[in-house]
Amino acid sequence: MKYEDAGVNISKADFFIEKIKPLAQATLTDFVLEGIGPFASLVELKGYKNPVLVSGTDGVGTKLKIAFMMNKHDTVGIDLVAMCVNDVITTGAKPLFFLDYFACGKLDENIGVDVIKGIAQGCTMAKCALVGGETAEMPSFYPEGEYDLAGFCVGVAEKEELLNPETVSVGDAVIGLASSGLHSNGYSLVRKIFFEQHHFSVNDQLPELGKTLGEELLTPTLIYVRALELLQGLPIKAAAHITGGGLLENVPRVLPEGTAVKLHGDAWFVPPIFKLIQQLGNVDLVEMYRTFNMGIGMVLIVPEERANDCVNKINSSGDFNAQIIGEVVAGERQVILP
């Protein structure tokens, strides 16, 4: 017997790797000494006096189920990069390089290439190099036509330039950067409400959304690397990526003892998708804030007197929407809802 008789086609995998090499090579930076090809990639740290490496890993979760339902695979790679690099930049680091893990039951090279296209696009947006990855073909482990993704990002920062949440104090302003929608969290609940309870299709046009349900649910996660670059030189004390756990559980992770964040009522736009989920699923408001980003993908904490400067700087780019959504108050590391 041959390995192929068991469902693993090495020649096909080799051909797939050759097809995606140009996608990765287009993302390489001056830091990369050796990219895709050898057993490991080599990256040189240039121009840093006291460098600190910052790492992050994540996946896309059951948002992949929406990609399977729509047979559209060229955006989930953006989500994969975003979920990793947005974590890394909360420290003040810049993303340096990225690797992916793509696992499937049977390799469909057209789907695989679309996935890697999205990853390469995300890396370009994040200004980091796609230096390698792993493609695993595992027959009978995944259903036909399905796959899983994981991502790994390493960033770098000068030690003295790392953000220090311990400097957060009462009176500081809380800035919210708008999300593009659900990003990549809460999809198990989303799928249960829309597809199991209410029997919607991804092709259903919902007037509240102005697009099909599938298009809304597959909207890529925003990558905030550029937004934080715009604030170089401004006094950012802390940053929180609003992922699983929502605002209620992610913001307290960057608060020192004795402080809390009080959110202002009606301070930001909550996209219609969140209101639909709450109404159709009869979801409690606190549960909504614990599960979803509610329209805020990244939170920054800055001195109150520089808050408007930060907001104006971010908004001047035209790529992001930022606004003051709350303030730091005395309390016990929690978020106080409006």
C-alpha atoms as a PDB file:
ATOM      1  CA  MET A   1       0.000   0.000   0.000  1.00  0.00           C
ATOM      2  CA  LYS A   2       0.917   3.652  -0.383  1.00  0.00           C
ATOM      3  CA  TYR A   3       0.281   6.560   1.962  1.00  0.00           C
ATOM      4  CA  GLU A   4      -2.157   7.843  -0.651  1.00  0.00           C
ATOM      5  CA  ASP A   5      -4.266   4.693  -0.168  1.00  0.00           C
ATOM      6  CA  ALA A   6      -4.864   5.894   3.404  1.00  0.00           C
ATOM      7  CA  GLY A   7      -6.003   9.293   2.163  1.00  0.00           C
ATOM      8  CA  VAL A   8      -2.831  11.380   2.378  1.00  0.00           C
ATOM      9  CA  ASN A   9      -1.454  12.700  -0.892  1.00  0.00           C
ATOM     10  CA  ILE A  10       2.094  13.970  -0.322  1.00  0.00           C
ATOM     11  CA  SER A  11       2.561  15.017  -3.961  1.00  0.00           C
ATOM     12  CA  LYS A  12      -0.601  17.104  -3.829  1.00  0.00           C
ATOM     13  CA  ALA A  13       0.564  18.735  -0.606  1.00  0.00           C
ATOM     14  CA  ASP A  14       3.934  19.550  -2.180  1.00  0.00           C
ATOM     15  CA  PHE A  15       2.185  21.126  -5.168  1.00  0.00           C
ATOM     16  CA  PHE A  16      -0.019  23.132  -2.805  1.00  0.00           C
ATOM     17  CA  ILE A  17       3.026  24.489  -0.969  1.00  0.00           C
ATOM     18  CA  GLU A  18       4.580  25.586  -4.257  1.00  0.00           C
ATOM     19  CA  LYS A  19       1.363  27.470  -5.098  1.00  0.00           C
ATOM     20  CA  ILE A  20       1.283  29.356  -1.816  1.00  0.00           C
ATOM     21  CA  LYS A  21       4.985  30.210  -1.623  1.00  0.00           C
ATOM     22  CA  PRO A  22       4.599  33.407  -3.676  1.00  0.00           C
ATOM     23  CA  LEU A  23       1.802  34.558  -1.344  1.00  0.00           C
ATOM     24  CA  ALA A  24       4.105  34.254   1.654  1.00  0.00           C
ATOM     25  CA  GLN A  25       7.150  35.667  -0.095  1.00  0.00           C
ATOM     26  CA  ALA A  26       5.228  38.837  -0.902  1.00  0.00           C
ATOM     27  CA  THR A  27       4.912  39.522   2.843  1.00  0.00           C
ATOM     28  CA  LEU A  28       8.580  39.101   3.771  1.00  0.00           C
ATOM     29  CA  THR A  29      10.353  42.017   5.431  1.00  0.00           C
ATOM     30  CA  ASP A  30      13.970  43.055   5.884  1.00  0.00           C
ATOM     31  CA  PHE A  31      14.023  41.161   9.182  1.00  0.00           C
ATOM     32  CA  VAL A  32      13.591  37.777   7.475  1.00  0.00           C
ATOM     33  CA  LEU A  33      16.810  35.910   6.651  1.00  0.00           C
ATOM     34  CA  GLU A  34      15.211  32.654   5.559  1.00  0.00           C
ATOM     35  CA  GLY A  35      11.519  32.233   4.752  1.00  0.00           C
ATOM     36  CA  ILE A  36       9.445  29.289   3.551  1.00  0.00           C
ATOM     37  CA  GLY A  37      11.434  26.245   2.453  1.00  0.00           C
ATOM     38  CA  PRO A  38      13.754  25.002   5.227  1.00  0.00           C
ATOM     39  CA  PHE A  39      12.579  23.325   8.417  1.00  0.00           C
ATOM     40  CA  ALA A  40      12.582  26.624  10.280  1.00  0.00           C
ATOM     41  CA  SER A  41      12.526  30.311   9.395  1.00  0.00           C
ATOM     42  CA  LEU A  42      15.221  32.743  10.432  1.00  0.00           C
ATOM     43  CA  VAL A  43      14.400  36.279  11.542  1.00  0.00           C
ATOM     44  CA  GLU A  44      16.989  38.852  12.586  1.00  0.00           C
ATOM     45  CA  LEU A  45      16.325  41.612  15.111  1.00  0.00           C
ATOM     46  CA  LYS A  46      17.656  44.815  13.587  1.00  0.00           C
ATOM     47  CA  GLY A  47      17.837  48.231  15.193  1.00  0.00           C
ATOM     48  CA  TYR A  48      16.761  47.228  18.708  1.00  0.00           C
ATOM     49  CA  LYS A  49      18.920  47.969  21.743  1.00  0.00           C
ATOM     50  CA  ASN A  50      17.004  46.038  24.390  1.00  0.00           C
ATOM     51  CA  PRO A  51      14.452  43.944  22.468  1.00  0.00           C
ATOM     52  CA  VAL A  52      11.614  42.023  24.085  1.00  0.00           C
ATOM     53  CA  LEU A  53       9.842  39.326  22.087  1.00  0.00           C
ATOM     54  CA  VAL A  54       6.059  39.157  22.466  1.00  0.00           C
ATOM     55  CA  SER A  55       4.099  36.122  21.289  1.00  0.00           C
ATOM     56  CA  GLY A  56       0.457  35.296  20.711  1.00  0.00           C
ATOM     57  CA  THR A  57      -1.579  32.419  19.325  1.00  0.00           C
ATOM     58  CA  ASP A  58      -5.239  31.988  18.454  1.00  0.00           C
ATOM     59  CA  GLY A  59      -7.695  30.532  15.985  1.00  0.00           C
ATOM     60  CA  VAL A  60     -10.881  31.601  14.206  1.00  0.00           C
ATOM     61  CA  GLY A  61     -13.281  29.376  16.145  1.00  0.00           C
ATOM     62  CA  THR A  62     -16.644  28.340  14.740  1.00  0.00           C
ATOM     63  CA  LYS A  63     -16.726  31.348  12.431  1.00  0.00           C
ATOM     64  CA  LEU A  64     -15.174  28.789  10.072  1.00  0.00           C
ATOM     65  CA  LYS A  65     -18.590  27.116   9.940  1.00  0.00           C
ATOM     66  CA  ILE A  66     -19.920  30.233   8.180  1.00  0.00           C
ATOM     67  CA  ALA A  67     -17.120  29.990   5.616  1.00  0.00           C
ATOM     68  CA  PHE A  68     -18.075  26.346   5.005  1.00  0.00           C
ATOM     69  CA  MET A  69     -21.762  27.257   4.631  1.00  0.00           C
ATOM     70  CA  MET A  70     -20.968  30.014   2.131  1.00  0.00           C
ATOM     71  CA  ASN A  71     -18.108  28.175   0.431  1.00  0.00           C
ATOM     72  CA  LYS A  72     -16.086  31.363   0.799  1.00  0.00           C
ATOM     73  CA  HIS A  73     -12.623  30.963   2.246  1.00  0.00           C
ATOM     74  CA  ASP A  74     -10.602  34.067   1.318  1.00  0.00           C
ATOM     75  CA  THR A  75     -11.339  36.172   4.415  1.00  0.00           C
ATOM     76  CA  VAL A  76     -10.996  33.823   7.416  1.00  0.00           C
ATOM     77  CA  GLY A  77      -7.224  34.106   7.053  1.00  0.00           C
ATOM     78  CA  ILE A  78      -7.551  37.815   7.818  1.00  0.00           C
ATOM     79  CA  ASP A  79      -9.441  36.869  10.980  1.00  0.00           C
ATOM     80  CA  LEU A  80      -6.679  34.449  11.927  1.00  0.00           C
ATOM     81  CA  VAL A  81      -3.978  37.103  11.674  1.00  0.00           C
ATOM     82  CA  ALA A  82      -6.129  39.705  13.397  1.00  0.00           C
ATOM     83  CA  MET A  83      -6.872  37.530  16.410  1.00  0.00           C
ATOM     84  CA  CYS A  84      -3.155  37.016  17.004  1.00  0.00           C
ATOM     85  CA  VAL A  85      -1.626  40.385  16.125  1.00  0.00           C
ATOM     86  CA  ASN A  86      -4.305  42.386  17.951  1.00  0.00           C
ATOM     87  CA  ASP A  87      -3.289  40.557  21.131  1.00  0.00           C
ATOM     88  CA  VAL A  88       0.404  41.195  20.537  1.00  0.00           C
ATOM     89  CA  ILE A  89       0.030  44.939  19.968  1.00  0.00           C
ATOM     90  CA  THR A  90      -1.730  45.457  23.311  1.00  0.00           C
ATOM     91  CA  THR A  91       1.764  45.306  24.855  1.00  0.00           C
ATOM     92  CA  GLY A  92       3.139  48.056  22.640  1.00  0.00           C
ATOM     93  CA  ALA A  93       4.987  45.570  20.432  1.00  0.00           C
ATOM     94  CA  LYS A  94       5.060  45.537  16.642  1.00  0.00           C
ATOM     95  CA  PRO A  95       4.202  42.254  14.887  1.00  0.00           C
ATOM     96  CA  LEU A  96       7.365  40.744  13.433  1.00  0.00           C
ATOM     97  CA  PHE A  97       6.387  37.438  11.855  1.00  0.00           C
ATOM     98  CA  PHE A  98       3.485  34.993  11.603  1.00  0.00           C
ATOM     99  CA  LEU A  99       3.021  31.268  11.078  1.00  0.00           C
ATOM    100  CA  ASP A 100      -0.160  29.320  10.385  1.00  0.00           C
ATOM    101  CA  TYR A 101      -1.403  25.783  10.965  1.00  0.00           C
ATOM    102  CA  PHE A 102      -3.922  24.551   8.376  1.00  0.00           C
ATOM    103  CA  ALA A 103      -5.459  21.140   9.063  1.00  0.00           C
ATOM    104  CA  CYS A 104      -8.004  19.292   6.939  1.00  0.00           C
ATOM    105  CA  GLY A 105      -9.333  15.813   6.240  1.00  0.00           C
ATOM    106  CA  LYS A 106      -8.572  15.961   2.538  1.00  0.00           C
ATOM    107  CA  LEU A 107      -6.638  18.799   0.966  1.00  0.00           C
ATOM    108  CA  ASP A 108      -8.585  20.865  -1.544  1.00  0.00           C
ATOM    109  CA  GLU A 109      -5.867  23.075  -2.969  1.00  0.00           C
ATOM    110  CA  ASN A 110      -8.311  25.720  -4.240  1.00  0.00           C
ATOM    111  CA  ILE A 111      -9.758  26.164  -0.751  1.00  0.00           C
ATOM    112  CA  GLY A 112      -6.277  26.044   0.761  1.00  0.00           C
ATOM    113  CA  VAL A 113      -4.948  28.722  -1.561  1.00  0.00           C
ATOM    114  CA  ASP A 114      -7.910  30.988  -0.750  1.00  0.00           C
ATOM    115  CA  VAL A 115      -7.253  30.559   2.969  1.00  0.00           C
ATOM    116  CA  ILE A 116      -3.560  31.411   2.575  1.00  0.00           C
ATOM    117  CA  LYS A 117      -4.457  34.414   0.401  1.00  0.00           C
ATOM    118  CA  GLY A 118      -6.420  35.775   3.351  1.00  0.00           C
ATOM    119  CA  ILE A 119      -3.564  35.076   5.756  1.00  0.00           C
ATOM    120  CA  ALA A 120      -1.099  36.843   3.447  1.00  0.00           C
ATOM    121  CA  GLN A 121      -3.474  39.797   3.122  1.00  0.00           C
ATOM    122  CA  GLY A 122      -3.792  39.971   6.897  1.00  0.00           C
ATOM    123  CA  CYS A 123      -0.020  39.880   7.304  1.00  0.00           C
ATOM    124  CA  THR A 124       0.358  42.709   4.808  1.00  0.00           C
ATOM    125  CA  MET A 125      -2.199  44.749   6.771  1.00  0.00           C
ATOM    126  CA  ALA A 126      -0.354  43.958  10.002  1.00  0.00           C
ATOM    127  CA  LYS A 127       3.055  44.699   8.448  1.00  0.00           C
ATOM    128  CA  CYS A 128       4.427  41.329   9.507  1.00  0.00           C
ATOM    129  CA  ALA A 129       5.993  38.523   7.503  1.00  0.00           C
ATOM    130  CA  LEU A 130       4.345  35.190   6.820  1.00  0.00           C
ATOM    131  CA  VAL A 131       7.468  33.093   7.315  1.00  0.00           C
ATOM    132  CA  GLY A 132       6.018  29.588   7.303  1.00  0.00           C
ATOM    133  CA  GLY A 133       3.384  27.220   8.562  1.00  0.00           C
ATOM    134  CA  GLU A 134       2.148  23.661   8.538  1.00  0.00           C
ATOM    135  CA  THR A 135      -0.376  21.909   6.324  1.00  0.00           C
ATOM    136  CA  ALA A 136      -1.770  18.712   7.856  1.00  0.00           C
ATOM    137  CA  GLU A 137      -3.944  16.286   5.900  1.00  0.00           C
ATOM    138  CA  MET A 138      -5.727  13.963   8.343  1.00  0.00           C
ATOM    139  CA  PRO A 139      -8.286  11.631   6.715  1.00  0.00           C
ATOM    140  CA  SER A 140     -11.387  10.792   8.803  1.00  0.00           C
ATOM    141  CA  PHE A 141     -10.385  13.362  11.429  1.00  0.00           C
ATOM    142  CA  TYR A 142     -12.234  16.300   9.828  1.00  0.00           C
ATOM    143  CA  PRO A 143     -15.497  16.103   7.824  1.00  0.00           C
ATOM    144  CA  GLU A 144     -15.076  16.458   4.073  1.00  0.00           C
ATOM    145  CA  GLY A 145     -14.787  20.083   3.022  1.00  0.00           C
ATOM    146  CA  GLU A 146     -13.937  21.313   6.522  1.00  0.00           C
ATOM    147  CA  TYR A 147     -10.663  22.454   8.053  1.00  0.00           C
ATOM    148  CA  ASP A 148      -9.250  24.154  11.117  1.00  0.00           C
ATOM    149  CA  LEU A 149      -6.856  27.064  11.484  1.00  0.00           C
ATOM    150  CA  ALA A 150      -4.439  28.220  14.131  1.00  0.00           C
ATOM    151  CA  GLY A 151      -2.062  31.154  14.015  1.00  0.00           C
ATOM    152  CA  PHE A 152       1.127  32.122  15.817  1.00  0.00           C
ATOM    153  CA  CYS A 153       2.555  35.639  15.927  1.00  0.00           C
ATOM    154  CA  VAL A 154       5.779  37.018  17.367  1.00  0.00           C
ATOM    155  CA  GLY A 155       6.286  40.738  17.873  1.00  0.00           C
ATOM    156  CA  VAL A 156       9.114  42.860  19.200  1.00  0.00           C
ATOM    157  CA  ALA A 157       9.438  46.008  21.291  1.00  0.00           C
ATOM    158  CA  GLU A 158      12.084  47.981  23.083  1.00  0.00           C
ATOM    159  CA  LYS A 159      11.737  47.039  26.734  1.00  0.00           C
ATOM    160  CA  GLU A 160      11.359  50.638  27.878  1.00  0.00           C
ATOM    161  CA  GLU A 161       8.592  51.238  25.325  1.00  0.00           C
ATOM    162  CA  LEU A 162       6.305  48.443  26.496  1.00  0.00           C
ATOM    163  CA  LEU A 163       2.913  49.640  27.727  1.00  0.00           C
ATOM    164  CA  ASN A 164       2.582  49.596  31.514  1.00  0.00           C
ATOM    165  CA  PRO A 165      -1.013  49.088  32.734  1.00  0.00           C
ATOM    166  CA  GLU A 166       0.178  49.669  36.301  1.00  0.00           C
ATOM    167  CA  THR A 167       0.301  53.382  35.426  1.00  0.00           C
ATOM    168  CA  VAL A 168      -3.469  53.479  34.812  1.00  0.00           C
ATOM    169  CA  SER A 169      -5.105  55.778  37.367  1.00  0.00           C
ATOM    170  CA  VAL A 170      -8.462  57.253  38.302  1.00  0.00           C
ATOM    171  CA  GLY A 171      -9.463  59.983  35.857  1.00  0.00           C
ATOM    172  CA  ASP A 172      -7.852  58.434  32.786  1.00  0.00           C
ATOM    173  CA  ALA A 173      -9.948  58.338  29.631  1.00  0.00           C
ATOM    174  CA  VAL A 174     -11.084  55.157  27.911  1.00  0.00           C
ATOM    175  CA  ILE A 175     -11.023  55.217  24.119  1.00  0.00           C
ATOM    176  CA  GLY A 176     -12.901  52.680  22.045  1.00  0.00           C
ATOM    177  CA  LEU A 177     -11.916  51.699  18.503  1.00  0.00           C
ATOM    178  CA  ALA A 178     -14.923  50.549  16.529  1.00  0.00           C
ATOM    179  CA  SER A 179     -15.156  46.934  15.421  1.00  0.00           C
ATOM    180  CA  SER A 180     -16.295  45.806  11.988  1.00  0.00           C
ATOM    181  CA  GLY A 181     -18.984  43.630  13.568  1.00  0.00           C
ATOM    182  CA  LEU A 182     -18.770  40.358  15.447  1.00  0.00           C
ATOM    183  CA  HIS A 183     -15.085  39.843  14.635  1.00  0.00           C
ATOM    184  CA  SER A 184     -14.380  36.210  15.632  1.00  0.00           C
ATOM    185  CA  ASN A 185     -16.166  35.582  18.914  1.00  0.00           C
ATOM    186  CA  GLY A 186     -19.533  34.246  20.028  1.00  0.00           C
ATOM    187  CA  TYR A 187     -20.245  32.288  16.856  1.00  0.00           C
ATOM    188  CA  SER A 188     -21.490  29.176  18.638  1.00  0.00           C
ATOM    189  CA  LEU A 189     -24.281  31.280  20.160  1.00  0.00           C
ATOM    190  CA  VAL A 190     -24.803  33.158  16.890  1.00  0.00           C
ATOM    191  CA  ARG A 191     -25.221  29.950  14.919  1.00  0.00           C
ATOM    192  CA  LYS A 192     -27.606  28.520  17.507  1.00  0.00           C
ATOM    193  CA  ILE A 193     -29.843  31.598  17.391  1.00  0.00           C
ATOM    194  CA  PHE A 194     -29.907  32.226  13.638  1.00  0.00           C
ATOM    195  CA  PHE A 195     -29.673  28.733  12.178  1.00  0.00           C
ATOM    196  CA  GLU A 196     -31.027  26.369  14.835  1.00  0.00           C
ATOM    197  CA  GLN A 197     -33.709  28.427  16.565  1.00  0.00           C
ATOM    198  CA  HIS A 198     -34.870  30.667  13.702  1.00  0.00           C
ATOM    199  CA  HIS A 199     -33.813  28.599  10.666  1.00  0.00           C
ATOM    200  CA  PHE A 200     -32.235  31.457   8.732  1.00  0.00           C
ATOM    201  CA  SER A 201     -30.035  30.819   5.710  1.00  0.00           C
ATOM    202  CA  VAL A 202     -26.713  32.545   5.070  1.00  0.00           C
ATOM    203  CA  ASN A 203     -28.322  33.838   1.866  1.00  0.00           C
ATOM    204  CA  ASP A 204     -31.217  35.565   3.635  1.00  0.00           C
ATOM    205  CA  GLN A 205     -31.312  39.317   3.123  1.00  0.00           C
ATOM    206  CA  LEU A 206     -31.978  41.083   6.412  1.00  0.00           C
ATOM    207  CA  PRO A 207     -33.105  44.712   6.052  1.00  0.00           C
ATOM    208  CA  GLU A 208     -31.478  45.677   9.362  1.00  0.00           C
ATOM    209  CA  LEU A 209     -28.102  44.618   7.969  1.00  0.00           C
ATOM    210  CA  GLY A 210     -28.352  45.849   4.378  1.00  0.00           C
ATOM    211  CA  LYS A 211     -26.654  42.636   3.226  1.00  0.00           C
ATOM    212  CA  THR A 212     -27.082  38.897   3.503  1.00  0.00           C
ATOM    213  CA  LEU A 213     -26.716  37.268   6.890  1.00  0.00           C
ATOM    214  CA  GLY A 214     -23.721  35.297   5.635  1.00  0.00           C
ATOM    215  CA  GLU A 215     -21.953  38.422   4.398  1.00  0.00           C
ATOM    216  CA  GLU A 216     -22.434  40.074   7.773  1.00  0.00           C
ATOM    217  CA  LEU A 217     -21.238  37.063   9.738  1.00  0.00           C
ATOM    218  CA  LEU A 218     -18.171  36.609   7.541  1.00  0.00           C
ATOM    219  CA  THR A 219     -17.026  40.253   7.792  1.00  0.00           C
ATOM    220  CA  PRO A 220     -13.298  40.082   8.667  1.00  0.00           C
ATOM    221  CA  THR A 221     -11.921  41.152  12.023  1.00  0.00           C
ATOM    222  CA  LEU A 222     -10.258  44.559  11.940  1.00  0.00           C
ATOM    223  CA  ILE A 223      -6.485  44.659  12.378  1.00  0.00           C
ATOM    224  CA  TYR A 224      -5.488  47.590  14.616  1.00  0.00           C
ATOM    225  CA  VAL A 225      -1.744  47.696  13.970  1.00  0.00           C
ATOM    226  CA  ARG A 226      -1.949  50.877  11.912  1.00  0.00           C
ATOM    227  CA  ALA A 227      -4.211  52.566  14.489  1.00  0.00           C
ATOM    228  CA  LEU A 228      -1.642  52.137  17.250  1.00  0.00           C
ATOM    229  CA  GLU A 229       1.173  53.220  14.945  1.00  0.00           C
ATOM    230  CA  LEU A 230      -0.641  56.518  14.488  1.00  0.00           C
ATOM    231  CA  LEU A 231      -0.352  57.116  18.233  1.00  0.00           C
ATOM    232  CA  GLN A 232       3.418  56.837  18.359  1.00  0.00           C
ATOM    233  CA  GLY A 233       4.713  59.440  20.787  1.00  0.00           C
ATOM    234  CA  LEU A 234       1.382  59.782  22.581  1.00  0.00           C
ATOM    235  CA  PRO A 235       1.047  58.481  26.166  1.00  0.00           C
ATOM    236  CA  ILE A 236      -0.872  55.214  25.835  1.00  0.00           C
ATOM    237  CA  LYS A 237      -1.024  53.504  29.222  1.00  0.00           C
ATOM    238  CA  ALA A 238      -2.843  50.274  28.386  1.00  0.00           C
ATOM    239  CA  ALA A 239      -4.664  48.506  25.569  1.00  0.00           C
ATOM    240  CA  ALA A 240      -7.182  45.663  25.564  1.00  0.00           C
ATOM    241  CA  HIS A 241      -8.234  43.525  22.607  1.00  0.00           C
ATOM    242  CA  ILE A 242     -11.967  42.840  22.953  1.00  0.00           C
ATOM    243  CA  THR A 243     -12.357  39.162  22.097  1.00  0.00           C
ATOM    244  CA  GLY A 244     -13.977  36.254  23.973  1.00  0.00           C
ATOM    245  CA  GLY A 245     -15.293  37.624  27.245  1.00  0.00           C
ATOM    246  CA  GLY A 246     -16.277  40.914  25.643  1.00  0.00           C
ATOM    247  CA  LEU A 247     -15.768  44.269  27.310  1.00  0.00           C
ATOM    248  CA  LEU A 248     -16.657  42.903  30.729  1.00  0.00           C
ATOM    249  CA  GLU A 249     -13.771  40.452  30.976  1.00  0.00           C
ATOM    250  CA  ASN A 250     -11.071  41.848  28.688  1.00  0.00           C
ATOM    251  CA  VAL A 251     -10.809  45.424  29.943  1.00  0.00           C
ATOM    252  CA  PRO A 252     -10.213  44.418  33.609  1.00  0.00           C
ATOM    253  CA  ARG A 253      -7.168  42.411  32.479  1.00  0.00           C
ATOM    254  CA  VAL A 254      -5.262  45.701  32.031  1.00  0.00           C
ATOM    255  CA  LEU A 255      -6.520  47.469  35.166  1.00  0.00           C
ATOM    256  CA  PRO A 256      -4.413  47.755  38.329  1.00  0.00           C
ATOM    257  CA  GLU A 257      -5.904  47.076  41.747  1.00  0.00           C
ATOM    258  CA  GLY A 258      -8.235  49.794  42.988  1.00  0.00           C
ATOM    259  CA  THR A 259      -9.477  50.875  39.566  1.00  0.00           C
ATOM    260  CA  ALA A 260     -12.481  50.153  37.366  1.00  0.00           C
ATOM    261  CA  VAL A 261     -13.837  51.434  34.067  1.00  0.00           C
ATOM    262  CA  LYS A 262     -17.183  53.202  33.846  1.00  0.00           C
ATOM    263  CA  LEU A 263     -18.645  53.221  30.343  1.00  0.00           C
ATOM    264  CA  HIS A 264     -20.680  56.179  29.114  1.00  0.00           C
ATOM    265  CA  GLY A 265     -24.206  55.540  27.899  1.00  0.00           C
ATOM    266  CA  ASP A 266     -24.773  55.903  24.118  1.00  0.00           C
ATOM    267  CA  ALA A 267     -21.103  56.814  23.665  1.00  0.00           C
ATOM    268  CA  TRP A 268     -20.627  54.620  20.604  1.00  0.00           C
ATOM    269  CA  PHE A 269     -22.545  53.033  17.761  1.00  0.00           C
ATOM    270  CA  VAL A 270     -23.642  49.449  18.359  1.00  0.00           C
ATOM    271  CA  PRO A 271     -23.990  47.722  14.952  1.00  0.00           C
ATOM    272  CA  PRO A 272     -27.436  46.222  14.152  1.00  0.00           C
ATOM    273  CA  ILE A 273     -26.140  42.629  14.220  1.00  0.00           C
ATOM    274  CA  PHE A 274     -25.780  42.805  18.011  1.00  0.00           C
ATOM    275  CA  LYS A 275     -29.327  44.095  18.483  1.00  0.00           C
ATOM    276  CA  LEU A 276     -30.651  41.325  16.245  1.00  0.00           C
ATOM    277  CA  ILE A 277     -28.832  38.687  18.277  1.00  0.00           C
ATOM    278  CA  GLN A 278     -30.150  40.107  21.529  1.00  0.00           C
ATOM    279  CA  GLN A 279     -33.752  40.267  20.296  1.00  0.00           C
ATOM    280  CA  LEU A 280     -33.922  36.961  18.432  1.00  0.00           C
ATOM    281  CA  GLY A 281     -32.110  35.033  21.146  1.00  0.00           C
ATOM    282  CA  ASN A 282     -33.653  36.869  24.100  1.00  0.00           C
ATOM    283  CA  VAL A 283     -30.117  37.392  25.387  1.00  0.00           C
ATOM    284  CA  ASP A 284     -29.614  39.358  28.597  1.00  0.00           C
ATOM    285  CA  LEU A 285     -27.694  42.616  28.136  1.00  0.00           C
ATOM    286  CA  VAL A 286     -24.940  41.589  30.560  1.00  0.00           C
ATOM    287  CA  GLU A 287     -24.543  38.323  28.659  1.00  0.00           C
ATOM    288  CA  MET A 288     -24.227  40.315  25.422  1.00  0.00           C
ATOM    289  CA  TYR A 289     -21.383  42.383  26.917  1.00  0.00           C
ATOM    290  CA  ARG A 290     -19.695  39.239  28.238  1.00  0.00           C
ATOM    291  CA  THR A 291     -19.907  37.370  24.916  1.00  0.00           C
ATOM    292  CA  PHE A 292     -19.516  39.973  22.164  1.00  0.00           C
ATOM    293  CA  ASN A 293     -17.463  43.113  21.496  1.00  0.00           C
ATOM    294  CA  MET A 294     -20.676  45.180  21.120  1.00  0.00           C
ATOM    295  CA  GLY A 295     -19.077  47.388  18.473  1.00  0.00           C
ATOM    296  CA  ILE A 296     -15.716  48.003  20.200  1.00  0.00           C
ATOM    297  CA  GLY A 297     -12.772  45.935  18.975  1.00  0.00           C
ATOM    298  CA  MET A 298      -9.945  47.587  20.920  1.00  0.00           C
ATOM    299  CA  VAL A 299      -9.839  49.720  24.067  1.00  0.00           C
ATOM    300  CA  LEU A 300      -7.073  52.198  24.896  1.00  0.00           C
ATOM    301  CA  ILE A 301      -6.537  53.909  28.237  1.00  0.00           C
ATOM    302  CA  VAL A 302      -4.834  57.294  28.080  1.00  0.00           C
ATOM    303  CA  PRO A 303      -4.424  60.400  30.247  1.00  0.00           C
ATOM    304  CA  GLU A 304      -7.628  62.408  30.114  1.00  0.00           C
ATOM    305  CA  GLU A 305      -5.866  65.542  28.858  1.00  0.00           C
ATOM    306  CA  ARG A 306      -4.501  63.725  25.798  1.00  0.00           C
ATOM    307  CA  ALA A 307      -7.616  61.722  24.937  1.00  0.00           C
ATOM    308  CA  ASN A 308      -8.890  64.085  22.245  1.00  0.00           C
ATOM    309  CA  ASP A 309      -5.450  64.174  20.624  1.00  0.00           C
ATOM    310  CA  CYS A 310      -5.487  60.383  20.394  1.00  0.00           C
ATOM    311  CA  VAL A 311      -9.018  60.239  19.026  1.00  0.00           C
ATOM    312  CA  ASN A 312      -8.338  62.901  16.417  1.00  0.00           C
ATOM    313  CA  LYS A 313      -5.096  61.244  15.334  1.00  0.00           C
ATOM    314  CA  ILE A 314      -6.782  57.879  14.799  1.00  0.00           C
ATOM    315  CA  ASN A 315      -9.820  59.307  13.039  1.00  0.00           C
ATOM    316  CA  SER A 316      -7.720  61.479  10.742  1.00  0.00           C
ATOM    317  CA  SER A 317      -6.494  58.352   8.962  1.00  0.00           C
ATOM    318  CA  GLY A 318      -9.986  57.542   7.720  1.00  0.00           C
ATOM    319  CA  ASP A 319      -9.350  53.831   8.342  1.00  0.00           C
ATOM    320  CA  PHE A 320     -10.635  53.603  11.903  1.00  0.00           C
ATOM    321  CA  ASN A 321     -13.302  55.141  14.088  1.00  0.00           C
ATOM    322  CA  ALA A 322     -12.347  56.071  17.644  1.00  0.00           C
ATOM    323  CA  GLN A 323     -14.182  57.869  20.416  1.00  0.00           C
ATOM    324  CA  ILE A 324     -14.080  58.347  24.173  1.00  0.00           C
ATOM    325  CA  ILE A 325     -16.384  55.701  25.641  1.00  0.00           C
ATOM    326  CA  GLY A 326     -15.676  55.901  29.363  1.00  0.00           C
ATOM    327  CA  GLU A 327     -13.354  56.782  32.204  1.00  0.00           C
ATOM    328  CA  VAL A 328     -11.284  55.097  34.879  1.00  0.00           C
ATOM    329  CA  VAL A 329     -12.870  55.321  38.336  1.00  0.00           C
ATOM    330  CA  ALA A 330     -12.132  53.881  41.760  1.00  0.00           C
ATOM    331  CA  GLY A 331     -13.260  50.275  42.017  1.00  0.00           C
ATOM    332  CA  GLU A 332     -12.263  46.647  41.946  1.00  0.00           C
ATOM    333  CA  ARG A 333     -11.085  45.792  38.396  1.00  0.00           C
ATOM    334  CA  GLN A 334     -14.441  45.676  36.702  1.00  0.00           C
ATOM    335  CA  VAL A 335     -16.404  47.353  33.920  1.00  0.00           C
ATOM    336  CA  ILE A 336     -19.447  49.325  34.981  1.00  0.00           C
ATOM    337  CA  LEU A 337     -22.054  49.319  32.232  1.00  0.00           C
ATOM    338  CA  PRO A 338     -24.040  52.478  31.381  1.00  0.00           C
END
